[in-house]
N, C-alpha and C. Protein backbone atom coordinates (compact mmCIF):
# COMPACT_ATOMS: atom_id res chain seq x y z
N UNK A 1 128.97 132.17 19.76
CA UNK A 1 129.09 131.01 20.63
C UNK A 1 128.00 131.07 21.70
N UNK A 2 127.41 129.92 21.97
CA UNK A 2 126.42 129.81 23.03
C UNK A 2 126.63 128.47 23.71
N UNK A 3 127.00 128.51 24.97
CA UNK A 3 127.29 127.28 25.72
C UNK A 3 128.28 126.37 25.00
N UNK A 4 129.29 126.97 24.39
CA UNK A 4 130.32 126.21 23.70
C UNK A 4 129.95 125.74 22.31
N UNK A 5 128.78 126.13 21.83
CA UNK A 5 128.34 125.73 20.49
C UNK A 5 128.40 126.96 19.59
N UNK A 6 129.06 126.78 18.44
CA UNK A 6 129.16 127.89 17.50
C UNK A 6 127.96 127.89 16.57
N UNK A 7 127.28 129.00 16.48
CA UNK A 7 126.16 129.17 15.57
C UNK A 7 126.58 130.11 14.45
N UNK A 8 126.12 129.81 13.25
CA UNK A 8 126.39 130.66 12.10
C UNK A 8 125.04 131.12 11.56
N UNK A 9 124.83 132.42 11.51
CA UNK A 9 123.57 132.98 11.02
C UNK A 9 123.68 133.21 9.52
N UNK A 10 122.65 132.83 8.79
CA UNK A 10 122.63 132.97 7.34
C UNK A 10 121.56 133.97 6.94
N UNK A 11 121.93 134.93 6.13
CA UNK A 11 120.94 135.86 5.58
C UNK A 11 120.27 135.17 4.40
N UNK A 12 118.95 135.29 4.35
CA UNK A 12 118.19 134.66 3.28
C UNK A 12 117.28 135.68 2.62
N UNK A 13 116.68 135.28 1.53
CA UNK A 13 115.75 136.14 0.81
C UNK A 13 114.55 136.43 1.71
N UNK A 14 114.20 137.70 1.88
CA UNK A 14 113.09 138.04 2.80
C UNK A 14 111.72 137.72 2.20
N UNK A 15 110.78 137.43 3.09
CA UNK A 15 109.38 137.27 2.67
C UNK A 15 108.49 137.72 3.82
N UNK A 16 107.30 138.16 3.50
CA UNK A 16 106.37 138.67 4.50
C UNK A 16 105.00 138.01 4.44
N UNK A 17 104.73 137.33 3.35
CA UNK A 17 103.45 136.63 3.18
C UNK A 17 103.76 135.20 2.77
N UNK A 18 102.76 134.37 2.83
CA UNK A 18 102.92 132.98 2.40
C UNK A 18 102.67 132.90 0.89
N UNK A 19 103.62 133.45 0.12
CA UNK A 19 103.51 133.43 -1.33
C UNK A 19 104.81 132.86 -1.92
N UNK A 20 105.07 133.12 -3.18
CA UNK A 20 106.24 132.56 -3.86
C UNK A 20 107.55 132.97 -3.20
N UNK A 21 107.57 134.11 -2.51
CA UNK A 21 108.79 134.56 -1.85
C UNK A 21 109.21 133.62 -0.72
N UNK A 22 108.23 132.97 -0.12
CA UNK A 22 108.55 132.00 0.93
C UNK A 22 109.33 130.82 0.35
N UNK A 23 108.93 130.34 -0.81
CA UNK A 23 109.66 129.25 -1.47
C UNK A 23 111.08 129.69 -1.84
N UNK A 24 111.23 130.94 -2.31
CA UNK A 24 112.55 131.46 -2.63
C UNK A 24 113.40 131.56 -1.36
N UNK A 25 112.77 131.95 -0.24
CA UNK A 25 113.47 132.01 1.05
C UNK A 25 113.99 130.63 1.44
N UNK A 26 113.17 129.60 1.29
CA UNK A 26 113.58 128.24 1.64
C UNK A 26 114.74 127.79 0.76
N UNK A 27 114.64 128.06 -0.51
CA UNK A 27 115.71 127.68 -1.44
C UNK A 27 116.99 128.46 -1.13
N UNK A 28 116.87 129.74 -0.84
CA UNK A 28 118.07 130.54 -0.54
C UNK A 28 118.74 130.06 0.74
N UNK A 29 117.95 129.59 1.71
CA UNK A 29 118.54 129.05 2.93
C UNK A 29 119.36 127.80 2.62
N UNK A 30 118.78 126.89 1.84
CA UNK A 30 119.47 125.64 1.51
C UNK A 30 120.77 125.92 0.77
N UNK A 31 120.72 126.80 -0.21
CA UNK A 31 121.92 127.14 -0.99
C UNK A 31 122.97 127.79 -0.11
N UNK A 32 122.56 128.73 0.72
CA UNK A 32 123.53 129.42 1.58
C UNK A 32 124.12 128.49 2.63
N UNK A 33 123.34 127.55 3.11
CA UNK A 33 123.88 126.57 4.05
C UNK A 33 125.00 125.77 3.41
N UNK A 34 124.74 125.27 2.22
CA UNK A 34 125.73 124.44 1.55
C UNK A 34 126.98 125.24 1.16
N UNK A 35 126.83 126.54 0.96
CA UNK A 35 127.99 127.38 0.63
C UNK A 35 128.67 127.98 1.85
N UNK A 36 128.09 127.82 3.02
CA UNK A 36 128.62 128.47 4.23
C UNK A 36 129.80 127.73 4.85
N UNK A 37 130.09 126.55 4.38
CA UNK A 37 131.13 125.73 5.00
C UNK A 37 132.53 126.25 4.76
N UNK A 38 132.70 127.13 3.81
CA UNK A 38 134.03 127.62 3.47
C UNK A 38 134.64 128.32 4.68
N UNK A 39 135.78 127.82 5.12
CA UNK A 39 136.50 128.45 6.23
C UNK A 39 136.06 128.03 7.62
N UNK A 40 135.05 127.19 7.71
CA UNK A 40 134.60 126.73 9.02
C UNK A 40 135.28 125.41 9.38
N UNK A 41 135.52 125.16 10.66
CA UNK A 41 136.07 123.86 11.03
C UNK A 41 135.07 122.75 10.79
N UNK A 42 135.57 121.53 10.63
CA UNK A 42 134.72 120.37 10.40
C UNK A 42 133.76 120.18 11.57
N UNK A 43 132.46 120.07 11.30
CA UNK A 43 131.51 119.87 12.40
C UNK A 43 131.55 118.44 12.92
N UNK A 44 131.23 118.29 14.18
CA UNK A 44 131.11 116.96 14.79
C UNK A 44 129.73 116.40 14.46
N UNK A 45 128.73 117.28 14.51
CA UNK A 45 127.36 116.87 14.24
C UNK A 45 126.61 118.04 13.60
N UNK A 46 125.61 117.70 12.81
CA UNK A 46 124.75 118.69 12.17
C UNK A 46 123.31 118.29 12.46
N UNK A 47 122.51 119.25 12.91
CA UNK A 47 121.10 119.00 13.17
C UNK A 47 120.28 119.61 12.06
N UNK A 48 119.43 118.82 11.46
CA UNK A 48 118.50 119.30 10.45
C UNK A 48 117.09 119.16 10.98
N UNK A 49 116.33 120.24 10.94
CA UNK A 49 114.97 120.15 11.46
C UNK A 49 113.96 120.27 10.33
N UNK A 50 112.77 119.85 10.63
CA UNK A 50 111.73 119.74 9.61
C UNK A 50 110.91 121.02 9.47
N UNK A 51 111.51 122.16 9.74
CA UNK A 51 110.79 123.42 9.54
C UNK A 51 110.29 123.46 8.09
N UNK A 52 111.16 123.15 7.18
CA UNK A 52 110.78 122.88 5.80
C UNK A 52 111.75 121.85 5.24
N UNK A 53 111.30 121.11 4.26
CA UNK A 53 112.07 119.97 3.76
C UNK A 53 113.46 120.34 3.24
N UNK A 54 113.58 121.48 2.61
CA UNK A 54 114.88 121.86 2.09
C UNK A 54 115.90 122.10 3.20
N UNK A 55 115.46 122.56 4.35
CA UNK A 55 116.38 122.77 5.48
C UNK A 55 116.97 121.44 5.92
N UNK A 56 116.13 120.44 6.09
CA UNK A 56 116.62 119.13 6.52
C UNK A 56 117.49 118.47 5.45
N UNK A 57 117.08 118.59 4.18
CA UNK A 57 117.88 117.99 3.10
C UNK A 57 119.24 118.65 2.96
N UNK A 58 119.27 119.97 3.09
CA UNK A 58 120.55 120.68 3.00
C UNK A 58 121.44 120.33 4.18
N UNK A 59 120.86 120.21 5.37
CA UNK A 59 121.65 119.82 6.54
C UNK A 59 122.21 118.42 6.38
N UNK A 60 121.43 117.51 5.80
CA UNK A 60 121.91 116.15 5.55
C UNK A 60 123.08 116.14 4.57
N UNK A 61 122.95 116.91 3.50
CA UNK A 61 124.03 117.01 2.52
C UNK A 61 125.27 117.63 3.16
N UNK A 62 125.07 118.66 3.98
CA UNK A 62 126.16 119.34 4.68
C UNK A 62 126.90 118.35 5.59
N UNK A 63 126.14 117.55 6.34
CA UNK A 63 126.77 116.60 7.26
C UNK A 63 127.52 115.51 6.50
N UNK A 64 126.96 115.04 5.40
CA UNK A 64 127.65 113.99 4.65
C UNK A 64 128.91 114.51 3.98
N UNK A 65 128.92 115.77 3.61
CA UNK A 65 130.11 116.37 3.01
C UNK A 65 131.31 116.28 3.95
N UNK A 66 131.05 116.42 5.25
CA UNK A 66 132.11 116.40 6.27
C UNK A 66 132.15 115.11 7.08
N UNK A 67 131.34 114.14 6.67
CA UNK A 67 131.26 112.86 7.39
C UNK A 67 130.97 113.11 8.87
N UNK A 68 130.10 114.06 9.13
CA UNK A 68 129.68 114.39 10.49
C UNK A 68 128.38 113.66 10.81
N UNK A 69 128.12 113.46 12.07
CA UNK A 69 126.88 112.83 12.51
C UNK A 69 125.71 113.75 12.13
N UNK A 70 124.63 113.14 11.62
CA UNK A 70 123.44 113.89 11.26
C UNK A 70 122.32 113.56 12.22
N UNK A 71 121.70 114.58 12.77
CA UNK A 71 120.57 114.42 13.68
C UNK A 71 119.37 115.09 13.05
N UNK A 72 118.29 114.35 12.92
CA UNK A 72 117.06 114.91 12.35
C UNK A 72 116.10 115.24 13.47
N UNK A 73 115.58 116.44 13.45
CA UNK A 73 114.62 116.88 14.47
C UNK A 73 113.26 117.10 13.81
N UNK A 74 112.30 116.28 14.19
CA UNK A 74 110.93 116.42 13.67
C UNK A 74 110.21 117.42 14.55
N UNK A 75 109.68 118.47 13.95
CA UNK A 75 109.02 119.52 14.72
C UNK A 75 107.51 119.56 14.56
N UNK A 76 106.99 119.05 13.49
CA UNK A 76 105.58 119.25 13.20
C UNK A 76 104.78 117.98 13.42
N UNK A 77 104.60 117.60 14.67
CA UNK A 77 103.86 116.39 15.00
C UNK A 77 102.43 116.66 15.44
N UNK A 78 102.01 117.92 15.42
CA UNK A 78 100.72 118.24 16.01
C UNK A 78 99.55 117.47 15.40
N UNK A 79 99.49 117.23 14.10
CA UNK A 79 98.32 116.45 13.64
C UNK A 79 98.29 115.04 14.23
N UNK A 80 99.43 114.38 14.26
CA UNK A 80 99.48 113.01 14.79
C UNK A 80 99.20 112.98 16.29
N UNK A 81 99.67 113.97 17.02
CA UNK A 81 99.41 114.04 18.45
C UNK A 81 97.91 114.14 18.71
N UNK A 82 97.24 114.98 17.95
CA UNK A 82 95.79 115.13 18.12
C UNK A 82 95.05 113.84 17.76
N UNK A 83 95.51 113.14 16.74
CA UNK A 83 94.90 111.85 16.37
C UNK A 83 95.12 110.85 17.49
N UNK A 84 96.34 110.77 18.01
CA UNK A 84 96.66 109.81 19.07
C UNK A 84 95.89 110.11 20.35
N UNK A 85 95.57 111.36 20.60
CA UNK A 85 94.82 111.72 21.80
C UNK A 85 93.31 111.57 21.61
N UNK A 86 92.90 111.18 20.40
CA UNK A 86 91.48 111.01 20.13
C UNK A 86 90.73 112.29 19.91
N UNK A 87 91.42 113.39 19.68
CA UNK A 87 90.78 114.69 19.49
C UNK A 87 90.52 115.00 18.02
N UNK A 88 91.11 114.21 17.13
CA UNK A 88 90.97 114.43 15.69
C UNK A 88 90.94 113.08 14.99
N UNK A 89 90.04 112.95 14.03
CA UNK A 89 90.00 111.68 13.30
C UNK A 89 91.02 111.70 12.17
N UNK A 90 91.42 110.50 11.74
CA UNK A 90 92.36 110.41 10.63
C UNK A 90 91.75 111.00 9.39
């Protein structure tokens, strides 16, 4: 619990380089998220962030399973920010 919010930590397949193990890590996170609901109370809201697409998709599926509010958090806006500031061309 942190400030009244319950967090559940999921163990995933480890990786140390940006190779095929990273993709397996992403897939293992999505699968474990969808299987982690057993025994947990119904969530009010689920936040899915764009760290990788499978995280957000799994969070969306998780929220729809419980008819909970889904919040999408976009994290990787840096290319667009640089374009908007005129520091990078399209």
